[in-house]
C-alpha atoms as a PDB file:
ATOM      1  CA  MET A   1      16.722  -5.654   6.173  1.00  0.00           C
ATOM      2  CA  GLU A   2      18.787  -6.453   2.540  1.00  0.00           C
ATOM      3  CA  HIS A   3      18.496  -9.556   1.139  1.00  0.00           C
ATOM      4  CA  PRO A   4      21.822 -11.747   0.725  1.00  0.00           C
ATOM      5  CA  ILE A   5      21.284 -11.461  -3.212  1.00  0.00           C
ATOM      6  CA  LEU A   6      19.328  -8.724  -5.315  1.00  0.00           C
ATOM      7  CA  PHE A   7      19.138  -9.284  -8.704  1.00  0.00           C
ATOM      8  CA  LEU A   8      18.404  -5.657  -9.785  1.00  0.00           C
ATOM      9  CA  ASN A   9      20.794  -4.902  -7.967  1.00  0.00           C
ATOM     10  CA  LEU A  10      23.632  -7.071  -9.217  1.00  0.00           C
ATOM     11  CA  LEU A  11      22.117  -6.278 -12.989  1.00  0.00           C
ATOM     12  CA  PHE A  12      22.708  -2.365 -12.179  1.00  0.00           C
ATOM     13  CA  GLN A  13      26.199  -3.479 -10.819  1.00  0.00           C
ATOM     14  CA  LYS A  14      27.210  -5.147 -13.803  1.00  0.00           C
ATOM     15  CA  LEU A  15      26.054  -1.902 -15.778  1.00  0.00           C
ATOM     16  CA  GLY A  16      28.498  -0.244 -13.819  1.00  0.00           C
ATOM     17  CA  LEU A  17      25.721   1.938 -12.438  1.00  0.00           C
ATOM     18  CA  PRO A  18      26.394   3.382  -8.514  1.00  0.00           C
ATOM     19  CA  VAL A  19      24.219   0.796  -6.191  1.00  0.00           C
ATOM     20  CA  VAL A  20      23.980   1.177  -2.799  1.00  0.00           C
ATOM     21  CA  ALA A  21      21.580  -0.493  -0.286  1.00  0.00           C
ATOM     22  CA  ASN A  22      20.486   1.951   2.460  1.00  0.00           C
ATOM     23  CA  PRO A  23      18.831   5.517   1.825  1.00  0.00           C
ATOM     24  CA  GLU A  24      21.664   6.851   3.981  1.00  0.00           C
ATOM     25  CA  GLU A  25      24.389   5.696   1.795  1.00  0.00           C
ATOM     26  CA  ALA A  26      22.721   7.569  -1.425  1.00  0.00           C
ATOM     27  CA  HIS A  27      24.628  10.771  -2.157  1.00  0.00           C
ATOM     28  CA  SER A  28      22.893  11.519  -5.454  1.00  0.00           C
ATOM     29  CA  PHE A  29      19.743  11.607  -7.236  1.00  0.00           C
ATOM     30  CA  LEU A  30      20.635   8.272  -9.280  1.00  0.00           C
ATOM     31  CA  GLN A  31      21.535   6.480  -6.541  1.00  0.00           C
ATOM     32  CA  PHE A  32      18.293   7.262  -4.631  1.00  0.00           C
ATOM     33  CA  LEU A  33      16.171   6.126  -7.837  1.00  0.00           C
ATOM     34  CA  LEU A  34      18.134   2.919  -7.893  1.00  0.00           C
ATOM     35  CA  LEU A  35      17.510   1.458  -4.303  1.00  0.00           C
ATOM     36  CA  PRO A  36      15.812  -1.532  -4.070  1.00  0.00           C
ATOM     37  CA  HIS A  37      12.694  -0.213  -2.842  1.00  0.00           C
ATOM     38  CA  VAL A  38      12.578   2.312  -5.637  1.00  0.00           C
ATOM     39  CA  THR A  39      13.568  -0.316  -8.372  1.00  0.00           C
ATOM     40  CA  TYR A  40      11.047  -2.911  -7.106  1.00  0.00           C
ATOM     41  CA  ALA A  41       8.593  -0.817  -6.638  1.00  0.00           C
ATOM     42  CA  TRP A  42       8.993   0.072 -10.371  1.00  0.00           C
ATOM     43  CA  VAL A  43       8.695  -3.573 -10.920  1.00  0.00           C
ATOM     44  CA  VAL A  44       5.045  -4.069  -9.338  1.00  0.00           C
ATOM     45  CA  MET A  45       3.856  -0.961 -11.377  1.00  0.00           C
ATOM     46  CA  ILE A  46       5.232  -2.608 -14.448  1.00  0.00           C
ATOM     47  CA  LEU A  47       3.575  -5.624 -13.609  1.00  0.00           C
ATOM     48  CA  MET A  48       0.407  -4.204 -12.664  1.00  0.00           C
ATOM     49  CA  LEU A  49       0.276  -2.756 -15.933  1.00  0.00           C
ATOM     50  CA  LEU A  50       0.824  -5.945 -17.323  1.00  0.00           C
ATOM     51  CA  LEU A  51      -2.052  -7.489 -15.806  1.00  0.00           C
ATOM     52  CA  ALA A  52      -4.458  -4.605 -16.711  1.00  0.00           C
ATOM     53  CA  LYS A  53      -3.381  -5.154 -20.145  1.00  0.00           C
ATOM     54  CA  MET A  54      -4.439  -9.155 -20.093  1.00  0.00           C
ATOM     55  CA  ALA A  55      -7.344  -8.171 -18.581  1.00  0.00           C
ATOM     56  CA  VAL A  56      -8.855  -5.940 -21.127  1.00  0.00           C
ATOM     57  CA  SER A  57      -7.041  -7.453 -24.560  1.00  0.00           C
ATOM     58  CA  ARG A  58      -9.946  -9.524 -25.031  1.00  0.00           C
ATOM     59  CA  ILE A  59     -13.465  -8.332 -23.293  1.00  0.00           C
ATOM     60  CA  GLU A  60     -16.384 -10.531 -24.210  1.00  0.00           C
ATOM     61  CA  MET A  61     -19.891  -9.696 -23.442  1.00  0.00           C
ATOM     62  CA  VAL A  62     -19.973 -12.988 -21.872  1.00  0.00           C
ATOM     63  CA  PRO A  63     -16.973 -13.180 -19.449  1.00  0.00           C
ATOM     64  CA  THR A  64     -15.268 -16.181 -19.654  1.00  0.00           C
ATOM     65  CA  GLY A  65     -11.456 -17.342 -18.336  1.00  0.00           C
ATOM     66  CA  GLY A  66      -9.202 -15.119 -17.214  1.00  0.00           C
ATOM     67  CA  GLN A  67     -12.027 -12.070 -17.630  1.00  0.00           C
ATOM     68  CA  ASN A  68     -14.539 -13.728 -15.532  1.00  0.00           C
ATOM     69  CA  VAL A  69     -11.915 -13.559 -12.782  1.00  0.00           C
ATOM     70  CA  PHE A  70     -10.631 -10.508 -13.020  1.00  0.00           C
ATOM     71  CA  GLU A  71     -14.173  -8.944 -13.108  1.00  0.00           C
ATOM     72  CA  MET A  72     -15.206 -11.394 -10.210  1.00  0.00           C
ATOM     73  CA  ILE A  73     -11.953  -9.933  -8.141  1.00  0.00           C
ATOM     74  CA  ILE A  74     -13.108  -6.245  -9.325  1.00  0.00           C
ATOM     75  CA  GLY A  75     -16.483  -6.365  -8.775  1.00  0.00           C
ATOM     76  CA  GLY A  76     -16.552  -7.783  -5.467  1.00  0.00           C
ATOM     77  CA  PHE A  77     -13.733  -5.400  -4.085  1.00  0.00           C
ATOM     78  CA  GLU A  78     -16.136  -2.454  -5.798  1.00  0.00           C
ATOM     79  CA  GLU A  79     -19.155  -3.678  -3.847  1.00  0.00           C
ATOM     80  CA  PHE A  80     -17.119  -4.352  -0.870  1.00  0.00           C
ATOM     81  CA  MET A  81     -16.044  -0.343  -0.824  1.00  0.00           C
ATOM     82  CA  ILE A  82     -19.591   0.483  -1.379  1.00  0.00           C
ATOM     83  CA  GLY A  83     -20.585  -1.373   1.406  1.00  0.00           C
ATOM     84  CA  VAL A  84     -18.216   0.828   3.369  1.00  0.00           C
ATOM     85  CA  THR A  85     -18.700   4.264   1.821  1.00  0.00           C
ATOM     86  CA  GLY A  86     -22.065   4.361   0.396  1.00  0.00           C
ATOM     87  CA  GLU A  87     -23.009   4.697  -3.654  1.00  0.00           C
ATOM     88  CA  HIS A  88     -21.374   8.310  -3.185  1.00  0.00           C
ATOM     89  CA  GLY A  89     -17.765   6.828  -2.230  1.00  0.00           C
ATOM     90  CA  ARG A  90     -17.839   5.077  -5.583  1.00  0.00           C
ATOM     91  CA  PHE A  91     -15.434   7.514  -7.736  1.00  0.00           C
ATOM     92  CA  ALA A  92     -12.603   6.839  -4.972  1.00  0.00           C
ATOM     93  CA  PHE A  93     -12.494   2.573  -5.944  1.00  0.00           C
ATOM     94  CA  PRO A  94      -9.596   3.384  -8.583  1.00  0.00           C
ATOM     95  CA  LEU A  95      -7.337   4.939  -6.233  1.00  0.00           C
ATOM     96  CA  VAL A  96      -8.312   1.752  -3.469  1.00  0.00           C
ATOM     97  CA  ALA A  97      -7.763  -0.302  -6.078  1.00  0.00           C
ATOM     98  CA  THR A  98      -4.806   0.671  -7.214  1.00  0.00           C
ATOM     99  CA  LEU A  99      -3.018   0.830  -3.749  1.00  0.00           C
ATOM    100  CA  GLY A 100      -4.825  -2.112  -2.403  1.00  0.00           C
ATOM    101  CA  PHE A 101      -3.198  -4.169  -5.305  1.00  0.00           C
ATOM    102  CA  PHE A 102      -0.015  -2.126  -5.497  1.00  0.00           C
ATOM    103  CA  ILE A 103       0.820  -3.357  -1.522  1.00  0.00           C
ATOM    104  CA  LEU A 104      -0.547  -6.950  -1.908  1.00  0.00           C
ATOM    105  CA  ILE A 105       2.105  -7.707  -4.629  1.00  0.00           C
ATOM    106  CA  SER A 106       4.558  -5.841  -3.070  1.00  0.00           C
ATOM    107  CA  ASN A 107       4.054  -7.682   0.283  1.00  0.00           C
ATOM    108  CA  TYR A 108       4.377 -10.839  -1.599  1.00  0.00           C
ATOM    109  CA  MET A 109       7.273 -10.094  -4.009  1.00  0.00           C
ATOM    110  CA  GLY A 110       9.726  -9.931  -0.874  1.00  0.00           C
ATOM    111  CA  MET A 111       8.949 -14.147  -0.562  1.00  0.00           C
ATOM    112  CA  ILE A 112      10.806 -14.291  -3.657  1.00  0.00           C
ATOM    113  CA  PRO A 113      14.272 -15.593  -3.623  1.00  0.00           C
ATOM    114  CA  GLY A 114      16.199 -12.529  -5.016  1.00  0.00           C
ATOM    115  CA  PHE A 115      13.618  -9.778  -4.861  1.00  0.00           C
ATOM    116  CA  PHE A 116      12.770  -7.402  -2.479  1.00  0.00           C
ATOM    117  CA  SER A 117       9.323  -6.023  -1.178  1.00  0.00           C
ATOM    118  CA  PRO A 118       8.896  -2.272  -1.326  1.00  0.00           C
ATOM    119  CA  THR A 119       6.468  -2.287   1.180  1.00  0.00           C
ATOM    120  CA  ALA A 120       9.251  -3.499   3.423  1.00  0.00           C
ATOM    121  CA  SER A 121      10.763   0.115   3.374  1.00  0.00           C
ATOM    122  CA  ILE A 122       8.871   3.002   5.370  1.00  0.00           C
ATOM    123  CA  ASN A 123       9.710   5.185   2.613  1.00  0.00           C
ATOM    124  CA  THR A 124       7.132   3.380   0.529  1.00  0.00           C
ATOM    125  CA  THR A 125       4.836   2.792   2.882  1.00  0.00           C
ATOM    126  CA  LEU A 126       4.755   6.643   4.106  1.00  0.00           C
ATOM    127  CA  ALA A 127       4.271   7.913   0.472  1.00  0.00           C
ATOM    128  CA  CYS A 128       0.965   5.517   0.449  1.00  0.00           C
ATOM    129  CA  ALA A 129      -0.309   6.841   3.844  1.00  0.00           C
ATOM    130  CA  LEU A 130       0.225  10.519   2.482  1.00  0.00           C
ATOM    131  CA  ILE A 131      -1.698   9.454  -0.654  1.00  0.00           C
ATOM    132  CA  VAL A 132      -4.944   8.166   1.403  1.00  0.00           C
ATOM    133  CA  VAL A 133      -5.283  10.916   4.412  1.00  0.00           C
ATOM    134  CA  VAL A 134      -4.206  14.136   1.662  1.00  0.00           C
ATOM    135  CA  TYR A 135      -6.629  12.434  -0.745  1.00  0.00           C
ATOM    136  CA  THR A 136      -9.278  11.978   2.484  1.00  0.00           C
ATOM    137  CA  HIS A 137      -8.994  16.044   2.684  1.00  0.00           C
ATOM    138  CA  VAL A 138      -9.636  16.953  -1.166  1.00  0.00           C
ATOM    139  CA  ILE A 139     -12.360  14.669  -0.884  1.00  0.00           C
ATOM    140  CA  GLY A 140     -13.865  16.642   2.185  1.00  0.00           C
ATOM    141  CA  LEU A 141     -12.895  20.115   0.900  1.00  0.00           C
ATOM    142  CA  GLN A 142     -14.734  18.800  -2.539  1.00  0.00           C
ATOM    143  CA  THR A 143     -17.792  17.340  -0.856  1.00  0.00           C
ATOM    144  CA  HIS A 144     -18.369  20.247   1.861  1.00  0.00           C
ATOM    145  CA  GLY A 145     -16.071  23.337   0.801  1.00  0.00           C
ATOM    146  CA  VAL A 146     -15.167  25.836   3.271  1.00  0.00           C
ATOM    147  CA  LYS A 147     -17.656  23.910   6.447  1.00  0.00           C
ATOM    148  CA  TYR A 148     -15.568  20.829   6.070  1.00  0.00           C
ATOM    149  CA  VAL A 149     -13.647  22.326   8.746  1.00  0.00           C
ATOM    150  CA  LYS A 150     -16.794  21.564  11.467  1.00  0.00           C
ATOM    151  CA  HIS A 151     -15.104  18.195  11.002  1.00  0.00           C
ATOM    152  CA  PHE A 152     -12.503  19.073  13.573  1.00  0.00           C
ATOM    153  CA  LEU A 153     -14.493  21.676  16.034  1.00  0.00           C
ATOM    154  CA  GLY A 154     -16.834  18.994  17.747  1.00  0.00           C
ATOM    155  CA  PRO A 155     -20.510  18.943  18.210  1.00  0.00           C
ATOM    156  CA  ILE A 156     -20.664  22.089  21.114  1.00  0.00           C
ATOM    157  CA  TRP A 157     -18.817  25.456  19.829  1.00  0.00           C
ATOM    158  CA  TRP A 158     -17.430  26.050  22.890  1.00  0.00           C
ATOM    159  CA  LEU A 159     -15.213  23.101  23.189  1.00  0.00           C
ATOM    160  CA  SER A 160     -13.755  23.857  20.019  1.00  0.00           C
ATOM    161  CA  PRO A 161     -10.440  24.881  20.944  1.00  0.00           C
ATOM    162  CA  LEU A 162     -10.004  21.582  22.711  1.00  0.00           C
ATOM    163  CA  ILE A 163     -11.449  19.690  20.227  1.00  0.00           C
ATOM    164  CA  MET A 164      -9.940  20.983  17.088  1.00  0.00           C
ATOM    165  CA  PRO A 165      -5.794  20.053  18.651  1.00  0.00           C
ATOM    166  CA  ILE A 166      -7.276  16.905  19.421  1.00  0.00           C
ATOM    167  CA  GLU A 167      -8.652  16.457  15.961  1.00  0.00           C
ATOM    168  CA  LEU A 168      -5.824  17.304  14.336  1.00  0.00           C
ATOM    169  CA  ILE A 169      -3.595  15.096  16.454  1.00  0.00           C
ATOM    170  CA  GLY A 170      -5.858  12.079  15.126  1.00  0.00           C
ATOM    171  CA  HIS A 171      -5.627  13.360  11.492  1.00  0.00           C
ATOM    172  CA  PHE A 172      -2.100  12.815  12.012  1.00  0.00           C
ATOM    173  CA  ALA A 173      -1.563   9.733  13.647  1.00  0.00           C
ATOM    174  CA  ARG A 174      -3.560   8.448  10.654  1.00  0.00           C
ATOM    175  CA  ILE A 175      -0.286   8.816   8.508  1.00  0.00           C
ATOM    176  CA  LEU A 176       1.577   6.563  10.960  1.00  0.00           C
ATOM    177  CA  SER A 177      -1.042   4.322  11.349  1.00  0.00           C
ATOM    178  CA  LEU A 178      -1.433   3.298   8.045  1.00  0.00           C
ATOM    179  CA  SER A 179       2.394   3.498   7.266  1.00  0.00           C
ATOM    180  CA  ILE A 180       4.220   2.231  10.387  1.00  0.00           C
ATOM    181  CA  ARG A 181       1.634  -0.788  10.762  1.00  0.00           C
ATOM    182  CA  LEU A 182       2.254  -2.104   6.728  1.00  0.00           C
ATOM    183  CA  PHE A 183       6.095  -1.331   6.857  1.00  0.00           C
ATOM    184  CA  GLY A 184       6.512  -2.998  10.689  1.00  0.00           C
ATOM    185  CA  ASN A 185       4.427  -6.472   9.597  1.00  0.00           C
ATOM    186  CA  VAL A 186       5.888  -6.360   6.277  1.00  0.00           C
ATOM    187  CA  PHE A 187       9.969  -5.693   7.374  1.00  0.00           C
ATOM    188  CA  GLY A 188       9.426  -7.971  10.485  1.00  0.00           C
ATOM    189  CA  GLU A 189       8.172 -11.046   7.845  1.00  0.00           C
ATOM    190  CA  GLU A 190      11.163 -10.569   5.840  1.00  0.00           C
ATOM    191  CA  LEU A 191      13.450 -10.305   8.874  1.00  0.00           C
ATOM    192  CA  VAL A 192      12.085 -13.917  10.118  1.00  0.00           C
ATOM    193  CA  LEU A 193      12.467 -15.141   6.337  1.00  0.00           C
ATOM    194  CA  GLY A 194      15.778 -14.093   6.050  1.00  0.00           C
ATOM    195  CA  ILE A 195      17.117 -15.660   9.354  1.00  0.00           C
ATOM    196  CA  LEU A 196      15.425 -18.760   8.402  1.00  0.00           C
ATOM    197  CA  PHE A 197      16.621 -19.169   4.778  1.00  0.00           C
ATOM    198  CA  PHE A 198      20.198 -18.033   6.238  1.00  0.00           C
ATOM    199  CA  LEU A 199      20.252 -20.500   9.088  1.00  0.00           C
ATOM    200  CA  ALA A 200      17.978 -23.383   7.691  1.00  0.00           C
ATOM    201  CA  GLY A 201      17.373 -23.019   3.906  1.00  0.00           C
ATOM    202  CA  LEU A 202      17.933 -26.545   2.996  1.00  0.00           C
ATOM    203  CA  TYR A 203      16.060 -27.905   5.316  1.00  0.00           C
ATOM    204  CA  LEU A 204      12.509 -26.506   3.963  1.00  0.00           C
ATOM    205  CA  ALA A 205      12.237 -24.964   7.579  1.00  0.00           C
ATOM    206  CA  PRO A 206      10.902 -21.345   5.503  1.00  0.00           C
ATOM    207  CA  LEU A 207       8.369 -22.783   4.184  1.00  0.00           C
ATOM    208  CA  PRO A 208       5.969 -22.445   7.233  1.00  0.00           C
ATOM    209  CA  MET A 209       6.444 -18.863   7.414  1.00  0.00           C
ATOM    210  CA  MET A 210       6.045 -18.476   3.798  1.00  0.00           C
ATOM    211  CA  PHE A 211       2.773 -19.835   4.063  1.00  0.00           C
ATOM    212  CA  LEU A 212       1.967 -17.616   6.991  1.00  0.00           C
ATOM    213  CA  GLY A 213       3.198 -14.461   4.928  1.00  0.00           C
ATOM    214  CA  LEU A 214       0.437 -15.327   2.209  1.00  0.00           C
ATOM    215  CA  PHE A 215      -2.145 -14.689   4.996  1.00  0.00           C
ATOM    216  CA  THR A 216      -0.566 -11.903   6.743  1.00  0.00           C
ATOM    217  CA  GLY A 217       0.251 -10.085   3.415  1.00  0.00           C
ATOM    218  CA  PHE A 218      -3.188 -10.275   2.208  1.00  0.00           C
ATOM    219  CA  ILE A 219      -4.170  -9.162   5.370  1.00  0.00           C
ATOM    220  CA  GLN A 220      -2.073  -5.901   5.819  1.00  0.00           C
ATOM    221  CA  ALA A 221      -3.057  -4.979   2.181  1.00  0.00           C
ATOM    222  CA  PHE A 222      -7.045  -5.643   3.467  1.00  0.00           C
ATOM    223  CA  ILE A 223      -6.288  -3.549   6.408  1.00  0.00           C
ATOM    224  CA  PHE A 224      -5.160  -0.535   4.554  1.00  0.00           C
ATOM    225  CA  CYS A 225      -7.844  -0.500   2.603  1.00  0.00           C
ATOM    226  CA  LEU A 226     -10.542  -1.135   4.990  1.00  0.00           C
ATOM    227  CA  LEU A 227      -8.857   1.878   6.951  1.00  0.00           C
ATOM    228  CA  SER A 228      -9.146   4.132   3.576  1.00  0.00           C
ATOM    229  CA  MET A 229     -12.509   3.369   2.905  1.00  0.00           C
ATOM    230  CA  MET A 230     -13.282   4.792   6.236  1.00  0.00           C
ATOM    231  CA  TYR A 231     -11.628   7.716   6.181  1.00  0.00           C
ATOM    232  CA  PHE A 232     -13.087   8.609   3.070  1.00  0.00           C
ATOM    233  CA  ALA A 233     -16.601   7.870   4.513  1.00  0.00           C
ATOM    234  CA  GLY A 234     -15.636   9.746   7.515  1.00  0.00           C
ATOM    235  CA  SER A 235     -15.023  13.322   5.339  1.00  0.00           C
ATOM    236  CA  LEU A 236     -18.049  12.559   2.910  1.00  0.00           C
ATOM    237  CA  GLU A 237     -20.505  12.739   5.805  1.00  0.00           C
ATOM    238  CA  HIS A 238     -21.931  15.958   7.209  1.00  0.00           C
ATOM    239  CA  ALA A 239     -20.049  17.126  10.522  1.00  0.00           C
ATOM    240  CA  HIS A 240     -22.444  16.619  13.696  1.00  0.00           C
END
């Protein structure tokens, strides 16, 4: 779905850059770089860098104000992850936190008129899902070495020819589970908001949907992070 007006698209058009709205219309590398889900993903990343800079610009031994808020959010998130993965999964927290904040801000960005939610594109959610699934197996290989293959063979050796294809399909299904769930919910929300703004924008009809979007945007980011933690925890465990 396209917004009626995207500020970055208008800016690029004023600069004479070849802007297209959909990947199917892109015929050059520059056009791919100027797709809405790419440009607004950069906006999210720049915003995250600015927030991180603000968080560390004035660190004090006794936290106050903004530092207190940031420490409460990051600390609570980290403790929650350790509760899922165990202490030995703490090293993966920076990745999970980065993906979580990126997805959360992306989900909310689409609620601002003139902005586009990067997670409303399957390309963005698929990229995030691939990062999680690939890193899951990297963790497993680093932790268990060659023995990591036992995770795919099952507990009974003579059932391995049956268990292994099922396990492989299940791991590929994780990519679909992470990407399509997030994309479908955010895209559907943007679609409904676009219709409401078009039909009854002057009468504040979209406001209830926007409040609901604040809740669902957080829930979708939380579910993505929770599933990622569970996958990481599974790859750290010994095969039974």
